[in-house]
Amino acid sequence: MTIGHIKLNNGALMPEIGLGTWLGDAQGLLAETVTEAIRLGYRHIDCAKNYGNQKEIGDALTRTDVPREELFIVSKIWQNKHRPELVPGALDDILNELQLDYLDLLLIHFPHAQKPDVLTKDPTLDELEYVPIMDTWRAMEALVDSGKVRSIGVSNFTRSVLEKMIPQCRIVPAVNQVEIHPYNQSPALVKFCQSNGIAVTGYCPLGGVKINVMNDDLIKRIAEAHQCTPAQVALSWALSRGISVIPKTTNKLRLKENLKKIELSYDERHAIAQIKTHERKVDPGRNLKELDWVVHEDAVCPLI
């Protein structure tokens, strides 16, 4: 099954469909899932230090016969590694867990930093610290110079942060990975990124357990018309917008189904774009206060 690619702003080709691995080890099937995904044709594997499962992924990668240069492996540094002096070690830790010599893409997981000794995934305001994002970014740029990373990017970054960053970047972020699905479409952010040469990767492209995109009446009607799954409709809708997707599943049948792109009509794409339901897994409301402190241009400690 042929998978298309998105050309990044440095010329690298990123497969438009990848395998998400967040909570992928919940059933103890992650290594098996990664192995099966690669066998089916997946070449883009999305990882993160914060997911706590990169060693299993690394074990699976060592068992594949697919040449390393054909794989596109992504990972992310966590919020407690934003200090520039900590960034190289954070990458080395990721590479050791994945048993790799280099990453195809390294992302900053969230724009705001937390103190190095804070390991929680839900930091309080007292556990955050001020680290200018450009200090972190320049350390990321140096990783590209070292050859240990081919491309660098960001995750969960807003337009306001990117607008401040871009003029100061020697290497403009290649990717912004954000939550994208029919219930969280983010058209303004997607347009801004793409118009500035930043590719968008959509995580949670199928919604989730509490976000019932797969049960949406419109999505189901379109799926019935194409004799396909609702998941294939949601993924194909994102792909039609030039957004890469990283759906997660441990089900072998769904792994295969998610690779099949459906050609949606203009009317179908337009109808999905008009969905009024708005829900998201990563709620910006939770971070509103701390993000104001970290990124607001009038804050005492401006981000940049």
Protein backbone atom coordinates (compact mmCIF):
# COMPACT_ATOMS: atom_id res chain seq x y z
CA MET A 1 0.00 0.00 0.00
CA THR A 2 1.58 3.27 -1.14
CA ILE A 3 1.89 6.04 1.45
CA GLY A 4 2.30 9.62 0.29
CA HIS A 5 4.85 12.06 1.70
CA ILE A 6 4.92 15.66 2.84
CA LYS A 7 8.00 17.63 1.83
CA LEU A 8 9.43 19.52 4.77
CA ASN A 9 11.02 22.95 4.50
CA ASN A 10 14.50 21.40 4.47
CA GLY A 11 13.64 19.02 1.63
CA ALA A 12 13.16 15.94 3.81
CA LEU A 13 10.18 13.71 3.03
CA MET A 14 7.89 12.78 5.93
CA PRO A 15 5.38 9.94 5.37
CA GLU A 16 1.90 11.43 5.63
CA ILE A 17 0.58 8.51 7.70
CA GLY A 18 2.43 7.36 10.79
CA LEU A 19 1.89 5.28 13.89
CA GLY A 20 1.12 7.09 17.13
CA THR A 21 2.52 5.46 20.27
CA TRP A 22 1.07 7.50 23.15
CA LEU A 23 -0.35 4.97 25.64
CA GLY A 24 0.63 2.35 23.09
CA ASP A 25 2.00 0.03 25.76
CA ALA A 26 -1.20 -0.03 27.82
CA GLN A 27 -1.88 -3.61 26.77
CA GLY A 28 1.73 -4.75 26.56
CA LEU A 29 1.49 -4.94 22.78
CA LEU A 30 3.61 -1.99 21.70
CA ALA A 31 6.66 -3.80 20.35
CA GLU A 32 4.43 -6.26 18.50
CA THR A 33 2.33 -3.40 17.13
CA VAL A 34 5.37 -1.48 15.86
CA THR A 35 6.72 -4.63 14.22
CA GLU A 36 3.39 -5.33 12.52
CA ALA A 37 2.99 -1.71 11.45
CA ILE A 38 6.37 -1.71 9.74
CA ARG A 39 5.51 -5.00 8.05
CA LEU A 40 2.31 -3.43 6.70
CA GLY A 41 4.16 -0.44 5.28
CA TYR A 42 4.28 2.17 8.05
CA ARG A 43 7.57 4.05 7.99
CA HIS A 44 6.70 7.03 10.21
CA ILE A 45 6.78 6.18 13.95
CA ASP A 46 5.90 8.95 16.41
CA CYS A 47 7.47 8.70 19.85
CA ALA A 48 8.16 10.90 22.89
CA LYS A 49 10.27 10.68 26.02
CA ASN A 50 7.17 11.51 28.06
CA TYR A 51 5.32 8.44 26.76
CA GLY A 52 7.65 6.20 28.76
CA ASN A 53 7.73 3.44 26.16
CA GLN A 54 10.65 4.19 23.86
CA LYS A 55 12.68 1.19 25.00
CA GLU A 56 9.97 -1.14 23.70
CA ILE A 57 9.89 0.76 20.43
CA GLY A 58 13.67 0.55 20.20
CA ASP A 59 13.53 -3.21 20.69
CA ALA A 60 11.05 -3.47 17.81
CA LEU A 61 13.18 -1.27 15.57
CA THR A 62 16.21 -3.50 16.08
CA ARG A 63 14.22 -6.47 14.79
CA THR A 64 13.06 -4.94 11.52
CA ASP A 65 14.73 -5.72 8.21
CA VAL A 66 13.69 -2.34 6.80
CA PRO A 67 16.79 -0.16 6.25
CA ARG A 68 17.12 2.70 8.73
CA GLU A 69 17.11 5.30 5.95
CA GLU A 70 13.60 4.19 4.95
CA LEU A 71 12.20 4.89 8.41
CA PHE A 72 11.09 8.30 9.72
CA ILE A 73 11.41 8.29 13.51
CA VAL A 74 10.09 11.21 15.53
CA SER A 75 10.52 11.97 19.23
CA LYS A 76 10.03 14.90 21.60
CA ILE A 77 11.90 16.45 24.50
CA TRP A 78 9.85 16.98 27.63
CA GLN A 79 9.23 20.21 29.49
CA ASN A 80 11.87 19.62 32.16
CA LYS A 81 14.65 19.63 29.53
CA HIS A 82 14.15 23.12 28.08
CA ARG A 83 17.29 24.61 29.56
CA PRO A 84 19.70 24.72 26.60
CA GLU A 85 22.43 22.88 28.47
CA LEU A 86 20.01 19.97 29.04
CA VAL A 87 18.87 19.59 25.44
CA PRO A 88 21.84 17.53 24.11
CA GLY A 89 21.55 15.07 26.98
CA ALA A 90 17.81 14.81 26.44
CA LEU A 91 18.44 13.78 22.84
CA ASP A 92 21.13 11.27 23.82
CA ASP A 93 18.70 9.68 26.29
CA ILE A 94 16.07 9.37 23.55
CA LEU A 95 18.57 7.86 21.11
CA ASN A 96 19.74 5.35 23.72
CA GLU A 97 16.18 4.24 24.43
CA LEU A 98 15.31 3.92 20.75
CA GLN A 99 18.71 2.33 19.99
CA LEU A 100 19.31 4.77 17.14
CA ASP A 101 22.19 6.93 15.94
CA TYR A 102 19.96 9.79 14.79
CA LEU A 103 16.36 11.01 14.69
CA ASP A 104 14.55 12.12 11.58
CA LEU A 105 12.60 14.71 13.57
CA LEU A 106 12.89 16.04 17.11
CA LEU A 107 10.14 18.23 18.56
CA ILE A 108 9.76 20.46 21.62
CA HIS A 109 6.76 18.77 23.24
CA PHE A 110 5.18 21.90 24.79
CA PRO A 111 6.19 25.57 24.62
CA HIS A 112 6.41 26.17 28.36
CA ALA A 113 9.17 24.76 30.57
CA GLN A 114 9.06 23.14 33.96
CA LYS A 115 11.85 22.82 36.50
CA PRO A 116 14.37 20.02 35.76
CA ASP A 117 13.53 18.07 38.92
CA VAL A 118 9.78 18.10 38.16
CA LEU A 119 8.70 14.86 36.53
CA THR A 120 4.93 15.27 36.72
CA LYS A 121 2.93 15.36 33.51
CA ASP A 122 0.59 17.95 35.03
CA PRO A 123 2.82 20.70 36.49
CA THR A 124 1.52 23.46 38.71
CA LEU A 125 2.47 27.09 38.21
CA ASP A 126 5.10 26.74 40.94
CA GLU A 127 6.68 23.86 39.03
CA LEU A 128 7.10 25.88 35.84
CA GLU A 129 10.15 28.00 35.13
CA TYR A 130 11.08 30.74 32.71
CA VAL A 131 13.27 29.48 29.88
CA PRO A 132 13.19 31.63 26.73
CA ILE A 133 12.00 29.40 23.91
CA MET A 134 14.71 30.74 21.60
CA ASP A 135 17.38 29.50 24.03
CA THR A 136 15.88 26.03 23.76
CA TRP A 137 15.47 26.39 20.00
CA ARG A 138 19.10 27.40 19.40
CA ALA A 139 20.15 24.26 21.27
CA MET A 140 17.84 22.32 18.95
CA GLU A 141 19.44 23.96 15.92
CA ALA A 142 22.86 22.83 17.19
CA LEU A 143 21.59 19.24 17.22
CA VAL A 144 20.96 19.49 13.49
CA ASP A 145 24.54 20.72 13.05
CA SER A 146 25.76 17.70 15.02
CA GLY A 147 24.07 15.27 12.63
CA LYS A 148 22.13 13.56 15.41
CA VAL A 149 18.87 15.09 14.19
CA ARG A 150 17.81 15.60 10.57
CA SER A 151 14.86 17.96 11.21
CA ILE A 152 13.54 19.90 14.20
CA GLY A 153 10.10 21.17 15.05
CA VAL A 154 7.58 21.91 17.75
CA SER A 155 4.39 20.51 19.24
CA ASN A 156 1.38 22.25 20.76
CA PHE A 157 2.70 25.67 19.70
CA THR A 158 0.28 28.50 19.05
CA ARG A 159 0.41 31.01 16.24
CA SER A 160 1.41 33.77 18.67
CA VAL A 161 4.51 31.85 19.76
CA LEU A 162 5.47 30.93 16.21
CA GLU A 163 5.06 34.49 14.99
CA LYS A 164 7.65 35.59 17.55
CA MET A 165 9.97 32.67 16.86
CA ILE A 166 10.16 32.57 13.08
CA PRO A 167 12.04 35.86 12.53
CA GLN A 168 14.69 34.74 15.04
CA CYS A 169 15.18 31.18 13.78
CA ARG A 170 18.22 30.11 11.82
CA ILE A 171 16.27 26.91 11.14
CA VAL A 172 12.51 27.47 10.90
CA PRO A 173 10.52 24.66 12.57
CA ALA A 174 9.83 21.93 10.04
CA VAL A 175 6.69 20.66 11.79
CA ASN A 176 4.11 21.74 14.36
CA GLN A 177 2.37 18.68 15.83
CA VAL A 178 -1.03 19.60 17.24
CA GLU A 179 -4.38 17.99 18.00
CA ILE A 180 -6.37 17.81 14.76
CA HIS A 181 -9.61 15.94 14.09
CA PRO A 182 -13.09 16.86 12.78
CA TYR A 183 -14.08 18.15 16.24
CA ASN A 184 -10.92 20.27 16.56
CA GLN A 185 -10.09 21.55 13.10
CA SER A 186 -7.90 24.62 13.90
CA PRO A 187 -8.13 26.12 10.40
CA ALA A 188 -6.38 29.39 11.26
CA LEU A 189 -3.40 27.66 12.89
CA VAL A 190 -3.10 25.15 10.05
CA LYS A 191 -3.21 27.91 7.43
CA PHE A 192 -0.61 29.97 9.28
CA CYS A 193 1.79 27.06 9.64
CA GLN A 194 1.49 25.88 6.07
CA SER A 195 1.82 29.41 4.65
CA ASN A 196 5.07 29.77 6.59
CA GLY A 197 6.54 26.48 5.44
CA ILE A 198 5.76 24.59 8.65
CA ALA A 199 4.13 21.22 8.05
CA VAL A 200 1.33 20.19 10.39
CA THR A 201 1.02 16.76 11.95
CA GLY A 202 -2.31 15.94 13.57
CA TYR A 203 -2.28 13.85 16.72
CA CYS A 204 -5.48 12.24 18.03
CA PRO A 205 -6.80 12.38 14.43
CA LEU A 206 -9.66 10.03 15.34
CA GLY A 207 -10.72 11.95 18.42
CA GLY A 208 -10.58 9.53 21.31
CA VAL A 209 -12.50 7.63 23.96
CA LYS A 210 -14.30 10.75 25.18
CA ILE A 211 -14.36 12.52 21.80
CA ASN A 212 -16.80 10.56 19.68
CA VAL A 213 -15.74 11.57 16.19
CA MET A 214 -16.20 7.98 15.03
CA ASN A 215 -19.86 8.12 16.08
CA ASP A 216 -20.60 11.40 14.33
CA ASP A 217 -23.62 10.97 12.05
CA LEU A 218 -22.02 12.83 9.13
CA ILE A 219 -18.77 10.90 9.37
CA LYS A 220 -20.71 7.63 9.48
CA ARG A 221 -22.84 8.58 6.45
CA ILE A 222 -19.78 9.44 4.41
CA ALA A 223 -18.15 6.16 5.48
CA GLU A 224 -21.22 4.22 4.35
CA ALA A 225 -21.19 6.00 0.98
CA HIS A 226 -17.57 4.97 0.43
CA GLN A 227 -17.95 1.53 2.03
CA CYS A 228 -15.13 2.34 4.39
CA THR A 229 -14.64 2.95 8.11
CA PRO A 230 -15.34 6.25 9.90
CA ALA A 231 -11.64 6.27 10.81
CA GLN A 232 -10.69 6.20 7.14
CA VAL A 233 -12.96 9.19 6.53
CA ALA A 234 -11.46 11.22 9.39
CA LEU A 235 -7.90 10.40 8.36
CA SER A 236 -8.54 11.08 4.68
CA TRP A 237 -10.15 14.42 5.55
CA ALA A 238 -6.99 15.49 7.39
CA LEU A 239 -4.75 14.24 4.60
CA SER A 240 -6.79 16.22 2.07
CA ARG A 241 -5.80 19.34 4.04
CA GLY A 242 -2.11 18.51 3.66
CA ILE A 243 -1.88 17.38 7.29
CA SER A 244 0.04 14.24 8.22
CA VAL A 245 -1.66 11.94 10.73
CA ILE A 246 -0.43 9.58 13.42
CA PRO A 247 -3.38 7.38 14.48
CA LYS A 248 -2.80 4.90 17.30
CA THR A 249 -4.15 1.38 17.44
CA THR A 250 -2.96 -2.04 18.56
CA ASN A 251 -5.59 -3.78 16.41
CA LYS A 252 -3.95 -5.41 13.39
CA LEU A 253 -6.99 -4.96 11.15
CA ARG A 254 -7.27 -1.27 12.00
CA LEU A 255 -3.54 -0.81 11.45
CA LYS A 256 -4.09 -1.96 7.88
CA GLU A 257 -7.34 -0.05 7.40
CA ASN A 258 -5.80 3.23 8.54
CA LEU A 259 -3.32 3.12 5.68
CA LYS A 260 -6.06 3.28 3.04
CA LYS A 261 -6.72 6.82 1.86
CA ILE A 262 -10.26 7.58 0.66
CA GLU A 263 -10.85 10.19 -2.05
CA LEU A 264 -13.46 12.47 -0.55
CA SER A 265 -15.46 14.81 -2.77
CA TYR A 266 -15.36 18.57 -2.35
CA ASP A 267 -18.88 18.49 -0.91
CA GLU A 268 -17.90 15.84 1.62
CA ARG A 269 -14.80 17.76 2.70
CA HIS A 270 -16.83 20.96 2.93
CA ALA A 271 -19.52 19.25 5.02
CA ILE A 272 -16.93 17.98 7.49
CA ALA A 273 -15.44 21.47 7.70
CA GLN A 274 -18.85 22.77 8.78
CA ILE A 275 -19.13 20.44 11.81
CA LYS A 276 -20.06 22.62 14.77
CA THR A 277 -19.08 20.27 17.58
CA HIS A 278 -15.86 21.41 19.21
CA GLU A 279 -14.07 19.12 21.64
CA ARG A 280 -10.43 18.44 22.29
CA LYS A 281 -8.29 16.14 24.39
CA VAL A 282 -5.57 18.68 25.22
CA ASP A 283 -7.72 21.49 26.60
CA PRO A 284 -6.04 24.90 26.22
CA GLY A 285 -8.16 26.19 29.09
CA ARG A 286 -6.08 24.22 31.57
CA ASN A 287 -2.91 26.00 30.46
CA LEU A 288 -4.40 29.43 29.86
CA LYS A 289 -3.01 31.08 32.97
CA GLU A 290 0.47 29.60 32.79
CA LEU A 291 0.71 30.19 29.04
CA ASP A 292 -0.16 33.83 29.62
CA TRP A 293 2.73 34.02 32.07
CA VAL A 294 5.12 32.30 29.70
CA VAL A 295 4.22 33.60 26.26
CA HIS A 296 2.19 36.80 26.48
CA GLU A 297 4.04 39.64 24.79
CA ASP A 298 3.28 41.96 27.70
CA ALA A 299 4.23 39.48 30.40
CA VAL A 300 7.06 40.29 32.80
CA CYS A 301 9.08 37.43 31.34
CA PRO A 302 8.44 37.43 27.58
CA LEU A 303 8.90 34.01 26.04
CA ILE A 304 11.26 35.04 23.27
